[in-house]
Each structure stands twice: as structure tokens, then as C-alpha cells.
Amino acid sequence: IIELIDIQKPSSPTNYEDVYIITQLMEADLHQLIYSRQKLEGDHYQYF
């Protein structure tokens, strides 16, 4: 499971919209793999 490294603190405690979560870099991008034309095999499912 990726590790949560930090959460960027907002510059103002009352006036912010975005949240930035800083984590370890994952070796694979599941979203990109799902939308690629590559056929997923049993090894892919086992890995994820």
C-alpha cells in the first residue's frame, strides 16, 4: 500500500479549495492500463 508522506498545508486556513496529497510513487498506473488497448491477462489481475 502506498505510503502517505505528507499533506500540503493550505496558505490560508479559511480560503482554500484544493487538497494536495503527497505519496510514494506507484510503479504502475491502473487507470492508464485499463484505458489502453492492451489485453489484460491473468498475470495482470494477480499483480494488481
ModelCIF file with pLDDT and N, C-alpha, C, O atoms, coordinates in Angstrom:
data_MODEL
#
_entry.id   MODEL 
#
_entity.id                         1 
_entity.type                       polymer 
_entity.pdbx_number_of_molecules   1 
#
_entity_poly.entity_id                      1 
_entity_poly.type                           'polypeptide(L)' 
_entity_poly.nstd_linkage                   no 
_entity_poly.nstd_monomer                   no 
_entity_poly.pdbx_seq_one_letter_code       IIELIDIQKPSSPTNYEDVYIITQLMEADLHQLIYSRQKLEGDHYQYF 
_entity_poly.pdbx_seq_one_letter_code_can   IIELIDIQKPSSPTNYEDVYIITQLMEADLHQLIYSRQKLEGDHYQYF 
_entity_poly.pdbx_strand_id                 A 
#
loop_
_entity_poly_seq.entity_id 
_entity_poly_seq.num 
_entity_poly_seq.mon_id 
_entity_poly_seq.hetero 
1 1  ILE n 
1 2  ILE n 
1 3  GLU n 
1 4  LEU n 
1 5  ILE n 
1 6  ASP n 
1 7  ILE n 
1 8  GLN n 
1 9  LYS n 
1 10 PRO n 
1 11 SER n 
1 12 SER n 
1 13 PRO n 
1 14 THR n 
1 15 ASN n 
1 16 TYR n 
1 17 GLU n 
1 18 ASP n 
1 19 VAL n 
1 20 TYR n 
1 21 ILE n 
1 22 ILE n 
1 23 THR n 
1 24 GLN n 
1 25 LEU n 
1 26 MET n 
1 27 GLU n 
1 28 ALA n 
1 29 ASP n 
1 30 LEU n 
1 31 HIS n 
1 32 GLN n 
1 33 LEU n 
1 34 ILE n 
1 35 TYR n 
1 36 SER n 
1 37 ARG n 
1 38 GLN n 
1 39 LYS n 
1 40 LEU n 
1 41 GLU n 
1 42 GLY n 
1 43 ASP n 
1 44 HIS n 
1 45 TYR n 
1 46 GLN n 
1 47 TYR n 
1 48 PHE n 
#
_struct_asym.id          A 
_struct_asym.entity_id   1 
#
loop_
_ma_qa_metric.id 
_ma_qa_metric.mode 
_ma_qa_metric.name 
_ma_qa_metric.software_group_id 
_ma_qa_metric.type 
1 global pLDDT . pLDDT 
2 local  pLDDT . pLDDT 
#
_ma_qa_metric_global.metric_id      1 
_ma_qa_metric_global.metric_value   81.92 
_ma_qa_metric_global.model_id       1 
_ma_qa_metric_global.ordinal_id     1 
#
loop_
_ma_qa_metric_local.label_asym_id 
_ma_qa_metric_local.label_comp_id 
_ma_qa_metric_local.label_seq_id 
_ma_qa_metric_local.metric_id 
_ma_qa_metric_local.metric_value 
_ma_qa_metric_local.model_id 
_ma_qa_metric_local.ordinal_id 
A ILE 1  2 81.00 1 1  
A ILE 2  2 84.00 1 2  
A GLU 3  2 89.00 1 3  
A LEU 4  2 92.00 1 4  
A ILE 5  2 93.00 1 5  
A ASP 6  2 93.00 1 6  
A ILE 7  2 92.00 1 7  
A GLN 8  2 90.00 1 8  
A LYS 9  2 84.00 1 9  
A PRO 10 2 82.00 1 10 
A SER 11 2 81.00 1 11 
A SER 12 2 80.00 1 12 
A PRO 13 2 77.00 1 13 
A THR 14 2 82.00 1 14 
A ASN 15 2 82.00 1 15 
A TYR 16 2 83.00 1 16 
A GLU 17 2 86.00 1 17 
A ASP 18 2 89.00 1 18 
A VAL 19 2 91.00 1 19 
A TYR 20 2 92.00 1 20 
A ILE 21 2 93.00 1 21 
A ILE 22 2 94.00 1 22 
A THR 23 2 91.00 1 23 
A GLN 24 2 88.00 1 24 
A LEU 25 2 84.00 1 25 
A MET 26 2 77.00 1 26 
A GLU 27 2 72.00 1 27 
A ALA 28 2 68.00 1 28 
A ASP 29 2 71.00 1 29 
A LEU 30 2 72.00 1 30 
A HIS 31 2 77.00 1 31 
A GLN 32 2 77.00 1 32 
A LEU 33 2 74.00 1 33 
A ILE 34 2 75.00 1 34 
A TYR 35 2 81.00 1 35 
A SER 36 2 81.00 1 36 
A ARG 37 2 81.00 1 37 
A GLN 38 2 80.00 1 38 
A LYS 39 2 81.00 1 39 
A LEU 40 2 77.00 1 40 
A GLU 41 2 81.00 1 41 
A GLY 42 2 82.00 1 42 
A ASP 43 2 81.00 1 43 
A HIS 44 2 75.00 1 44 
A TYR 45 2 76.00 1 45 
A GLN 46 2 77.00 1 46 
A TYR 47 2 74.00 1 47 
A PHE 48 2 69.00 1 48 
#
loop_
_atom_site.group_PDB 
_atom_site.id 
_atom_site.type_symbol 
_atom_site.label_atom_id 
_atom_site.label_alt_id 
_atom_site.label_comp_id 
_atom_site.label_asym_id 
_atom_site.label_entity_id 
_atom_site.label_seq_id 
_atom_site.pdbx_PDB_ins_code 
_atom_site.Cartn_x 
_atom_site.Cartn_y 
_atom_site.Cartn_z 
_atom_site.occupancy 
_atom_site.B_iso_or_equiv 
_atom_site.pdbx_formal_charge 
_atom_site.auth_seq_id 
_atom_site.auth_comp_id 
_atom_site.auth_asym_id 
_atom_site.auth_atom_id 
_atom_site.pdbx_PDB_model_num 
ATOM 1   N N  . ILE A 1 1  ? 0.869   -1.185  0.000   1.00 81.00 ? 1  ILE A N  1 
ATOM 2   C CA . ILE A 1 1  ? 0.000   0.000   0.000   1.00 81.00 ? 1  ILE A CA 1 
ATOM 3   C C  . ILE A 1 1  ? 0.905   1.233   0.000   1.00 81.00 ? 1  ILE A C  1 
ATOM 4   O O  . ILE A 1 1  ? 1.841   1.327   0.794   1.00 81.00 ? 1  ILE A O  1 
ATOM 5   N N  . ILE A 1 2  ? 0.616   2.172   -0.894  1.00 84.00 ? 2  ILE A N  1 
ATOM 6   C CA . ILE A 1 2  ? 1.468   3.367   -0.957  1.00 84.00 ? 2  ILE A CA 1 
ATOM 7   C C  . ILE A 1 2  ? 1.423   4.107   0.375   1.00 84.00 ? 2  ILE A C  1 
ATOM 8   O O  . ILE A 1 2  ? 0.415   4.105   1.081   1.00 84.00 ? 2  ILE A O  1 
ATOM 9   N N  . GLU A 1 3  ? 2.536   4.733   0.689   1.00 89.00 ? 3  GLU A N  1 
ATOM 10  C CA . GLU A 1 3  ? 2.680   5.434   1.966   1.00 89.00 ? 3  GLU A CA 1 
ATOM 11  C C  . GLU A 1 3  ? 2.299   6.907   1.804   1.00 89.00 ? 3  GLU A C  1 
ATOM 12  O O  . GLU A 1 3  ? 2.713   7.572   0.854   1.00 89.00 ? 3  GLU A O  1 
ATOM 13  N N  . LEU A 1 4  ? 1.509   7.393   2.744   1.00 92.00 ? 4  LEU A N  1 
ATOM 14  C CA . LEU A 1 4  ? 1.193   8.822   2.784   1.00 92.00 ? 4  LEU A CA 1 
ATOM 15  C C  . LEU A 1 4  ? 2.396   9.538   3.362   1.00 92.00 ? 4  LEU A C  1 
ATOM 16  O O  . LEU A 1 4  ? 2.764   9.306   4.513   1.00 92.00 ? 4  LEU A O  1 
ATOM 17  N N  . ILE A 1 5  ? 3.009   10.400  2.579   1.00 93.00 ? 5  ILE A N  1 
ATOM 18  C CA . ILE A 1 5  ? 4.195   11.116  3.025   1.00 93.00 ? 5  ILE A CA 1 
ATOM 19  C C  . ILE A 1 5  ? 3.804   12.419  3.706   1.00 93.00 ? 5  ILE A C  1 
ATOM 20  O O  . ILE A 1 5  ? 4.314   12.751  4.776   1.00 93.00 ? 5  ILE A O  1 
ATOM 21  N N  . ASP A 1 6  ? 2.891   13.157  3.072   1.00 93.00 ? 6  ASP A N  1 
ATOM 22  C CA . ASP A 1 6  ? 2.515   14.463  3.628   1.00 93.00 ? 6  ASP A CA 1 
ATOM 23  C C  . ASP A 1 6  ? 1.227   14.938  2.966   1.00 93.00 ? 6  ASP A C  1 
ATOM 24  O O  . ASP A 1 6  ? 0.795   14.412  1.939   1.00 93.00 ? 6  ASP A O  1 
ATOM 25  N N  . ILE A 1 7  ? 0.640   15.933  3.580   1.00 92.00 ? 7  ILE A N  1 
ATOM 26  C CA . ILE A 1 7  ? -0.488  16.660  3.006   1.00 92.00 ? 7  ILE A CA 1 
ATOM 27  C C  . ILE A 1 7  ? -0.075  18.125  3.010   1.00 92.00 ? 7  ILE A C  1 
ATOM 28  O O  . ILE A 1 7  ? 0.287   18.670  4.052   1.00 92.00 ? 7  ILE A O  1 
ATOM 29  N N  . GLN A 1 8  ? -0.129  18.757  1.850   1.00 90.00 ? 8  GLN A N  1 
ATOM 30  C CA . GLN A 1 8  ? 0.284   20.158  1.755   1.00 90.00 ? 8  GLN A CA 1 
ATOM 31  C C  . GLN A 1 8  ? -0.668  21.032  2.555   1.00 90.00 ? 8  GLN A C  1 
ATOM 32  O O  . GLN A 1 8  ? -1.878  21.016  2.329   1.00 90.00 ? 8  GLN A O  1 
ATOM 33  N N  . LYS A 1 9  ? -0.124  21.783  3.478   1.00 84.00 ? 9  LYS A N  1 
ATOM 34  C CA . LYS A 1 9  ? -0.952  22.687  4.273   1.00 84.00 ? 9  LYS A CA 1 
ATOM 35  C C  . LYS A 1 9  ? -1.367  23.893  3.432   1.00 84.00 ? 9  LYS A C  1 
ATOM 36  O O  . LYS A 1 9  ? -0.560  24.421  2.667   1.00 84.00 ? 9  LYS A O  1 
ATOM 37  N N  . PRO A 1 10 ? -2.610  24.329  3.569   1.00 82.00 ? 10 PRO A N  1 
ATOM 38  C CA . PRO A 1 10 ? -3.070  25.493  2.792   1.00 82.00 ? 10 PRO A CA 1 
ATOM 39  C C  . PRO A 1 10 ? -2.419  26.774  3.299   1.00 82.00 ? 10 PRO A C  1 
ATOM 40  O O  . PRO A 1 10 ? -2.029  26.869  4.463   1.00 82.00 ? 10 PRO A O  1 
ATOM 41  N N  . SER A 1 11 ? -2.308  27.743  2.422   1.00 81.00 ? 11 SER A N  1 
ATOM 42  C CA . SER A 1 11 ? -1.718  29.034  2.815   1.00 81.00 ? 11 SER A CA 1 
ATOM 43  C C  . SER A 1 11 ? -2.647  29.816  3.724   1.00 81.00 ? 11 SER A C  1 
ATOM 44  O O  . SER A 1 11 ? -2.189  30.632  4.525   1.00 81.00 ? 11 SER A O  1 
ATOM 45  N N  . SER A 1 12 ? -3.943  29.578  3.612   1.00 80.00 ? 12 SER A N  1 
ATOM 46  C CA . SER A 1 12 ? -4.927  30.252  4.449   1.00 80.00 ? 12 SER A CA 1 
ATOM 47  C C  . SER A 1 12 ? -5.866  29.196  5.040   1.00 80.00 ? 12 SER A C  1 
ATOM 48  O O  . SER A 1 12 ? -6.349  28.337  4.301   1.00 80.00 ? 12 SER A O  1 
ATOM 49  N N  . PRO A 1 13 ? -6.136  29.234  6.335   1.00 77.00 ? 13 PRO A N  1 
ATOM 50  C CA . PRO A 1 13 ? -6.994  28.211  6.942   1.00 77.00 ? 13 PRO A CA 1 
ATOM 51  C C  . PRO A 1 13 ? -8.466  28.318  6.561   1.00 77.00 ? 13 PRO A C  1 
ATOM 52  O O  . PRO A 1 13 ? -9.231  27.387  6.814   1.00 77.00 ? 13 PRO A O  1 
ATOM 53  N N  . THR A 1 14 ? -8.874  29.418  5.966   1.00 82.00 ? 14 THR A N  1 
ATOM 54  C CA . THR A 1 14 ? -10.290 29.599  5.653   1.00 82.00 ? 14 THR A CA 1 
ATOM 55  C C  . THR A 1 14 ? -10.596 29.736  4.163   1.00 82.00 ? 14 THR A C  1 
ATOM 56  O O  . THR A 1 14 ? -11.749 29.605  3.751   1.00 82.00 ? 14 THR A O  1 
ATOM 57  N N  . ASN A 1 15 ? -9.584  29.996  3.366   1.00 82.00 ? 15 ASN A N  1 
ATOM 58  C CA . ASN A 1 15 ? -9.845  30.292  1.960   1.00 82.00 ? 15 ASN A CA 1 
ATOM 59  C C  . ASN A 1 15 ? -8.995  29.399  1.053   1.00 82.00 ? 15 ASN A C  1 
ATOM 60  O O  . ASN A 1 15 ? -8.009  29.854  0.472   1.00 82.00 ? 15 ASN A O  1 
ATOM 61  N N  . TYR A 1 16 ? -9.385  28.126  0.936   1.00 83.00 ? 16 TYR A N  1 
ATOM 62  C CA . TYR A 1 16 ? -8.693  27.230  0.018   1.00 83.00 ? 16 TYR A CA 1 
ATOM 63  C C  . TYR A 1 16 ? -9.685  26.211  -0.518  1.00 83.00 ? 16 TYR A C  1 
ATOM 64  O O  . TYR A 1 16 ? -10.699 25.920  0.116   1.00 83.00 ? 16 TYR A O  1 
ATOM 65  N N  . GLU A 1 17 ? -9.381  25.671  -1.698  1.00 86.00 ? 17 GLU A N  1 
ATOM 66  C CA . GLU A 1 17 ? -10.289 24.736  -2.361  1.00 86.00 ? 17 GLU A CA 1 
ATOM 67  C C  . GLU A 1 17 ? -9.646  23.377  -2.616  1.00 86.00 ? 17 GLU A C  1 
ATOM 68  O O  . GLU A 1 17 ? -10.307 22.344  -2.510  1.00 86.00 ? 17 GLU A O  1 
ATOM 69  N N  . ASP A 1 18 ? -8.372  23.377  -2.947  1.00 89.00 ? 18 ASP A N  1 
ATOM 70  C CA . ASP A 1 18 ? -7.706  22.155  -3.375  1.00 89.00 ? 18 ASP A CA 1 
ATOM 71  C C  . ASP A 1 18 ? -6.951  21.495  -2.227  1.00 89.00 ? 18 ASP A C  1 
ATOM 72  O O  . ASP A 1 18 ? -6.459  22.162  -1.317  1.00 89.00 ? 18 ASP A O  1 
ATOM 73  N N  . VAL A 1 19 ? -6.872  20.174  -2.293  1.00 91.00 ? 19 VAL A N  1 
ATOM 74  C CA . VAL A 1 19 ? -6.101  19.394  -1.337  1.00 91.00 ? 19 VAL A CA 1 
ATOM 75  C C  . VAL A 1 19 ? -5.005  18.693  -2.125  1.00 91.00 ? 19 VAL A C  1 
ATOM 76  O O  . VAL A 1 19 ? -5.260  18.157  -3.203  1.00 91.00 ? 19 VAL A O  1 
ATOM 77  N N  . TYR A 1 20 ? -3.793  18.694  -1.594  1.00 92.00 ? 20 TYR A N  1 
ATOM 78  C CA . TYR A 1 20 ? -2.665  18.030  -2.224  1.00 92.00 ? 20 TYR A CA 1 
ATOM 79  C C  . TYR A 1 20 ? -2.168  16.938  -1.291  1.00 92.00 ? 20 TYR A C  1 
ATOM 80  O O  . TYR A 1 20 ? -1.723  17.209  -0.176  1.00 92.00 ? 20 TYR A O  1 
ATOM 81  N N  . ILE A 1 21 ? -2.251  15.681  -1.773  1.00 93.00 ? 21 ILE A N  1 
ATOM 82  C CA . ILE A 1 21 ? -1.810  14.528  -1.000  1.00 93.00 ? 21 ILE A CA 1 
ATOM 83  C C  . ILE A 1 21 ? -0.508  14.036  -1.625  1.00 93.00 ? 21 ILE A C  1 
ATOM 84  O O  . ILE A 1 21 ? -0.454  13.763  -2.824  1.00 93.00 ? 21 ILE A O  1 
ATOM 85  N N  . ILE A 1 22 ? 0.536   13.925  -0.815  1.00 94.00 ? 22 ILE A N  1 
ATOM 86  C CA . ILE A 1 22 ? 1.848   13.515  -1.293  1.00 94.00 ? 22 ILE A CA 1 
ATOM 87  C C  . ILE A 1 22 ? 2.089   12.073  -0.835  1.00 94.00 ? 22 ILE A C  1 
ATOM 88  O O  . ILE A 1 22 ? 2.071   11.773  0.359   1.00 94.00 ? 22 ILE A O  1 
ATOM 89  N N  . THR A 1 23 ? 2.315   11.191  -1.811  1.00 91.00 ? 23 THR A N  1 
ATOM 90  C CA . THR A 1 23 ? 2.501   9.774   -1.524  1.00 91.00 ? 23 THR A CA 1 
ATOM 91  C C  . THR A 1 23 ? 3.735   9.245   -2.248  1.00 91.00 ? 23 THR A C  1 
ATOM 92  O O  . THR A 1 23 ? 4.375   9.946   -3.032  1.00 91.00 ? 23 THR A O  1 
ATOM 93  N N  . GLN A 1 24 ? 4.043   7.992   -1.959  1.00 88.00 ? 24 GLN A N  1 
ATOM 94  C CA . GLN A 1 24 ? 5.082   7.311   -2.720  1.00 88.00 ? 24 GLN A CA 1 
ATOM 95  C C  . GLN A 1 24 ? 4.618   7.193   -4.167  1.00 88.00 ? 24 GLN A C  1 
ATOM 96  O O  . GLN A 1 24 ? 3.422   7.217   -4.455  1.00 88.00 ? 24 GLN A O  1 
ATOM 97  N N  . LEU A 1 25 ? 5.582   7.067   -5.065  1.00 84.00 ? 25 LEU A N  1 
ATOM 98  C CA . LEU A 1 25 ? 5.266   6.877   -6.478  1.00 84.00 ? 25 LEU A CA 1 
ATOM 99  C C  . LEU A 1 25 ? 4.959   5.413   -6.723  1.00 84.00 ? 25 LEU A C  1 
ATOM 100 O O  . LEU A 1 25 ? 5.733   4.536   -6.337  1.00 84.00 ? 25 LEU A O  1 
ATOM 101 N N  . MET A 1 26 ? 3.836   5.147   -7.362  1.00 77.00 ? 26 MET A N  1 
ATOM 102 C CA . MET A 1 26 ? 3.429   3.781   -7.667  1.00 77.00 ? 26 MET A CA 1 
ATOM 103 C C  . MET A 1 26 ? 4.102   3.345   -8.955  1.00 77.00 ? 26 MET A C  1 
ATOM 104 O O  . MET A 1 26 ? 4.311   4.158   -9.855  1.00 77.00 ? 26 MET A O  1 
ATOM 105 N N  . GLU A 1 27 ? 4.444   2.058   -9.052  1.00 72.00 ? 27 GLU A N  1 
ATOM 106 C CA . GLU A 1 27 ? 5.142   1.545   -10.230 1.00 72.00 ? 27 GLU A CA 1 
ATOM 107 C C  . GLU A 1 27 ? 4.256   1.474   -11.460 1.00 72.00 ? 27 GLU A C  1 
ATOM 108 O O  . GLU A 1 27 ? 4.763   1.491   -12.581 1.00 72.00 ? 27 GLU A O  1 
ATOM 109 N N  . ALA A 1 28 ? 2.943   1.396   -11.275 1.00 68.00 ? 28 ALA A N  1 
ATOM 110 C CA . ALA A 1 28 ? 2.032   1.242   -12.412 1.00 68.00 ? 28 ALA A CA 1 
ATOM 111 C C  . ALA A 1 28 ? 0.871   2.214   -12.268 1.00 68.00 ? 28 ALA A C  1 
ATOM 112 O O  . ALA A 1 28 ? 0.540   2.660   -11.169 1.00 68.00 ? 28 ALA A O  1 
ATOM 113 N N  . ASP A 1 29 ? 0.268   2.528   -13.396 1.00 71.00 ? 29 ASP A N  1 
ATOM 114 C CA . ASP A 1 29 ? -0.895  3.407   -13.419 1.00 71.00 ? 29 ASP A CA 1 
ATOM 115 C C  . ASP A 1 29 ? -2.088  2.584   -13.882 1.00 71.00 ? 29 ASP A C  1 
ATOM 116 O O  . ASP A 1 29 ? -2.243  2.341   -15.079 1.00 71.00 ? 29 ASP A O  1 
ATOM 117 N N  . LEU A 1 30 ? -2.927  2.156   -12.956 1.00 72.00 ? 30 LEU A N  1 
ATOM 118 C CA . LEU A 1 30 ? -4.051  1.287   -13.275 1.00 72.00 ? 30 LEU A CA 1 
ATOM 119 C C  . LEU A 1 30 ? -5.028  1.970   -14.234 1.00 72.00 ? 30 LEU A C  1 
ATOM 120 O O  . LEU A 1 30 ? -5.555  1.322   -15.137 1.00 72.00 ? 30 LEU A O  1 
ATOM 121 N N  . HIS A 1 31 ? -5.272  3.253   -14.052 1.00 77.00 ? 31 HIS A N  1 
ATOM 122 C CA . HIS A 1 31 ? -6.191  3.984   -14.923 1.00 77.00 ? 31 HIS A CA 1 
ATOM 123 C C  . HIS A 1 31 ? -5.705  3.937   -16.376 1.00 77.00 ? 31 HIS A C  1 
ATOM 124 O O  . HIS A 1 31 ? -6.481  3.672   -17.294 1.00 77.00 ? 31 HIS A O  1 
ATOM 125 N N  . GLN A 1 32 ? -4.425  4.197   -16.563 1.00 77.00 ? 32 GLN A N  1 
ATOM 126 C CA . GLN A 1 32 ? -3.864  4.192   -17.916 1.00 77.00 ? 32 GLN A CA 1 
ATOM 127 C C  . GLN A 1 32 ? -3.919  2.787   -18.521 1.00 77.00 ? 32 GLN A C  1 
ATOM 128 O O  . GLN A 1 32 ? -4.210  2.634   -19.708 1.00 77.00 ? 32 GLN A O  1 
ATOM 129 N N  . LEU A 1 33 ? -3.644  1.780   -17.722 1.00 74.00 ? 33 LEU A N  1 
ATOM 130 C CA . LEU A 1 33 ? -3.677  0.406   -18.213 1.00 74.00 ? 33 LEU A CA 1 
ATOM 131 C C  . LEU A 1 33 ? -5.092  -0.012  -18.611 1.00 74.00 ? 33 LEU A C  1 
ATOM 132 O O  . LEU A 1 33 ? -5.279  -0.668  -19.636 1.00 74.00 ? 33 LEU A O  1 
ATOM 133 N N  . ILE A 1 34 ? -6.075  0.359   -17.815 1.00 75.00 ? 34 ILE A N  1 
ATOM 134 C CA . ILE A 1 34 ? -7.461  0.000   -18.106 1.00 75.00 ? 34 ILE A CA 1 
ATOM 135 C C  . ILE A 1 34 ? -7.909  0.607   -19.439 1.00 75.00 ? 34 ILE A C  1 
ATOM 136 O O  . ILE A 1 34 ? -8.585  -0.059  -20.222 1.00 75.00 ? 34 ILE A O  1 
ATOM 137 N N  . TYR A 1 35 ? -7.538  1.864   -19.703 1.00 81.00 ? 35 TYR A N  1 
ATOM 138 C CA . TYR A 1 35 ? -7.980  2.540   -20.917 1.00 81.00 ? 35 TYR A CA 1 
ATOM 139 C C  . TYR A 1 35 ? -7.067  2.316   -22.116 1.00 81.00 ? 35 TYR A C  1 
ATOM 140 O O  . TYR A 1 35 ? -7.332  2.834   -23.201 1.00 81.00 ? 35 TYR A O  1 
ATOM 141 N N  . SER A 1 36 ? -5.998  1.552   -21.931 1.00 81.00 ? 36 SER A N  1 
ATOM 142 C CA . SER A 1 36 ? -5.146  1.240   -23.074 1.00 81.00 ? 36 SER A CA 1 
ATOM 143 C C  . SER A 1 36 ? -5.791  0.105   -23.870 1.00 81.00 ? 36 SER A C  1 
ATOM 144 O O  . SER A 1 36 ? -6.746  -0.519  -23.407 1.00 81.00 ? 36 SER A O  1 
ATOM 145 N N  . ARG A 1 37 ? -5.284  -0.147  -25.023 1.00 81.00 ? 37 ARG A N  1 
ATOM 146 C CA . ARG A 1 37 ? -5.841  -1.213  -25.859 1.00 81.00 ? 37 ARG A CA 1 
ATOM 147 C C  . ARG A 1 37 ? -5.190  -2.565  -25.537 1.00 81.00 ? 37 ARG A C  1 
ATOM 148 O O  . ARG A 1 37 ? -5.482  -3.574  -26.179 1.00 81.00 ? 37 ARG A O  1 
ATOM 149 N N  . GLN A 1 38 ? -4.310  -2.568  -24.543 1.00 80.00 ? 38 GLN A N  1 
ATOM 150 C CA . GLN A 1 38 ? -3.634  -3.807  -24.165 1.00 80.00 ? 38 GLN A CA 1 
ATOM 151 C C  . GLN A 1 38 ? -4.623  -4.761  -23.499 1.00 80.00 ? 38 GLN A C  1 
ATOM 152 O O  . GLN A 1 38 ? -5.393  -4.362  -22.625 1.00 80.00 ? 38 GLN A O  1 
ATOM 153 N N  . LYS A 1 39 ? -4.592  -6.009  -23.916 1.00 81.00 ? 39 LYS A N  1 
ATOM 154 C CA . LYS A 1 39 ? -5.473  -7.008  -23.328 1.00 81.00 ? 39 LYS A CA 1 
ATOM 155 C C  . LYS A 1 39 ? -4.911  -7.414  -21.966 1.00 81.00 ? 39 LYS A C  1 
ATOM 156 O O  . LYS A 1 39 ? -3.730  -7.738  -21.844 1.00 81.00 ? 39 LYS A O  1 
ATOM 157 N N  . LEU A 1 40 ? -5.761  -7.393  -20.954 1.00 77.00 ? 40 LEU A N  1 
ATOM 158 C CA . LEU A 1 40 ? -5.323  -7.780  -19.618 1.00 77.00 ? 40 LEU A CA 1 
ATOM 159 C C  . LEU A 1 40 ? -5.357  -9.293  -19.485 1.00 77.00 ? 40 LEU A C  1 
ATOM 160 O O  . LEU A 1 40 ? -6.356  -9.931  -19.820 1.00 77.00 ? 40 LEU A O  1 
ATOM 161 N N  . GLU A 1 41 ? -4.287  -9.853  -19.007 1.00 81.00 ? 41 GLU A N  1 
ATOM 162 C CA . GLU A 1 41 ? -4.156  -11.294 -18.820 1.00 81.00 ? 41 GLU A CA 1 
ATOM 163 C C  . GLU A 1 41 ? -4.267  -11.611 -17.325 1.00 81.00 ? 41 GLU A C  1 
ATOM 164 O O  . GLU A 1 41 ? -4.318  -10.712 -16.487 1.00 81.00 ? 41 GLU A O  1 
ATOM 165 N N  . GLY A 1 42 ? -4.301  -12.882 -17.020 1.00 82.00 ? 42 GLY A N  1 
ATOM 166 C CA . GLY A 1 42 ? -4.386  -13.315 -15.624 1.00 82.00 ? 42 GLY A CA 1 
ATOM 167 C C  . GLY A 1 42 ? -3.257  -12.776 -14.765 1.00 82.00 ? 42 GLY A C  1 
ATOM 168 O O  . GLY A 1 42 ? -3.463  -12.469 -13.591 1.00 82.00 ? 42 GLY A O  1 
ATOM 169 N N  . ASP A 1 43 ? -2.042  -12.656 -15.347 1.00 81.00 ? 43 ASP A N  1 
ATOM 170 C CA . ASP A 1 43 ? -0.902  -12.113 -14.597 1.00 81.00 ? 43 ASP A CA 1 
ATOM 171 C C  . ASP A 1 43 ? -1.149  -10.670 -14.170 1.00 81.00 ? 43 ASP A C  1 
ATOM 172 O O  . ASP A 1 43 ? -0.756  -10.265 -13.076 1.00 81.00 ? 43 ASP A O  1 
ATOM 173 N N  . HIS A 1 44 ? -1.801  -9.894  -15.036 1.00 75.00 ? 44 HIS A N  1 
ATOM 174 C CA . HIS A 1 44 ? -2.122  -8.507  -14.691 1.00 75.00 ? 44 HIS A CA 1 
ATOM 175 C C  . HIS A 1 44 ? -3.043  -8.465  -13.477 1.00 75.00 ? 44 HIS A C  1 
ATOM 176 O O  . HIS A 1 44 ? -2.791  -7.728  -12.523 1.00 75.00 ? 44 HIS A O  1 
ATOM 177 N N  . TYR A 1 45 ? -4.111  -9.257  -13.517 1.00 76.00 ? 45 TYR A N  1 
ATOM 178 C CA . TYR A 1 45 ? -5.061  -9.267  -12.414 1.00 76.00 ? 45 TYR A CA 1 
ATOM 179 C C  . TYR A 1 45 ? -4.390  -9.697  -11.113 1.00 76.00 ? 45 TYR A C  1 
ATOM 180 O O  . TYR A 1 45 ? -4.646  -9.121  -10.056 1.00 76.00 ? 45 TYR A O  1 
ATOM 181 N N  . GLN A 1 46 ? -3.525  -10.717 -11.196 1.00 77.00 ? 46 GLN A N  1 
ATOM 182 C CA . GLN A 1 46 ? -2.830  -11.172 -9.997  1.00 77.00 ? 46 GLN A CA 1 
ATOM 183 C C  . GLN A 1 46 ? -1.933  -10.078 -9.436  1.00 77.00 ? 46 GLN A C  1 
ATOM 184 O O  . GLN A 1 46 ? -1.883  -9.867  -8.224  1.00 77.00 ? 46 GLN A O  1 
ATOM 185 N N  . TYR A 1 47 ? -1.216  -9.376  -10.334 1.00 74.00 ? 47 TYR A N  1 
ATOM 186 C CA . TYR A 1 47 ? -0.315  -8.307  -9.886  1.00 74.00 ? 47 TYR A CA 1 
ATOM 187 C C  . TYR A 1 47 ? -1.074  -7.203  -9.159  1.00 74.00 ? 47 TYR A C  1 
ATOM 188 O O  . TYR A 1 47 ? -0.664  -6.771  -8.081  1.00 74.00 ? 47 TYR A O  1 
ATOM 189 N N  . PHE A 1 48 ? -2.171  -6.748  -9.741  1.00 69.00 ? 48 PHE A N  1 
ATOM 190 C CA . PHE A 1 48 ? -2.918  -5.647  -9.123  1.00 69.00 ? 48 PHE A CA 1 
ATOM 191 C C  . PHE A 1 48 ? -3.636  -6.078  -7.858  1.00 69.00 ? 48 PHE A C  1 
ATOM 192 O O  . PHE A 1 48 ? -4.308  -5.265  -7.222  1.00 69.00 ? 48 PHE A O  1 
#
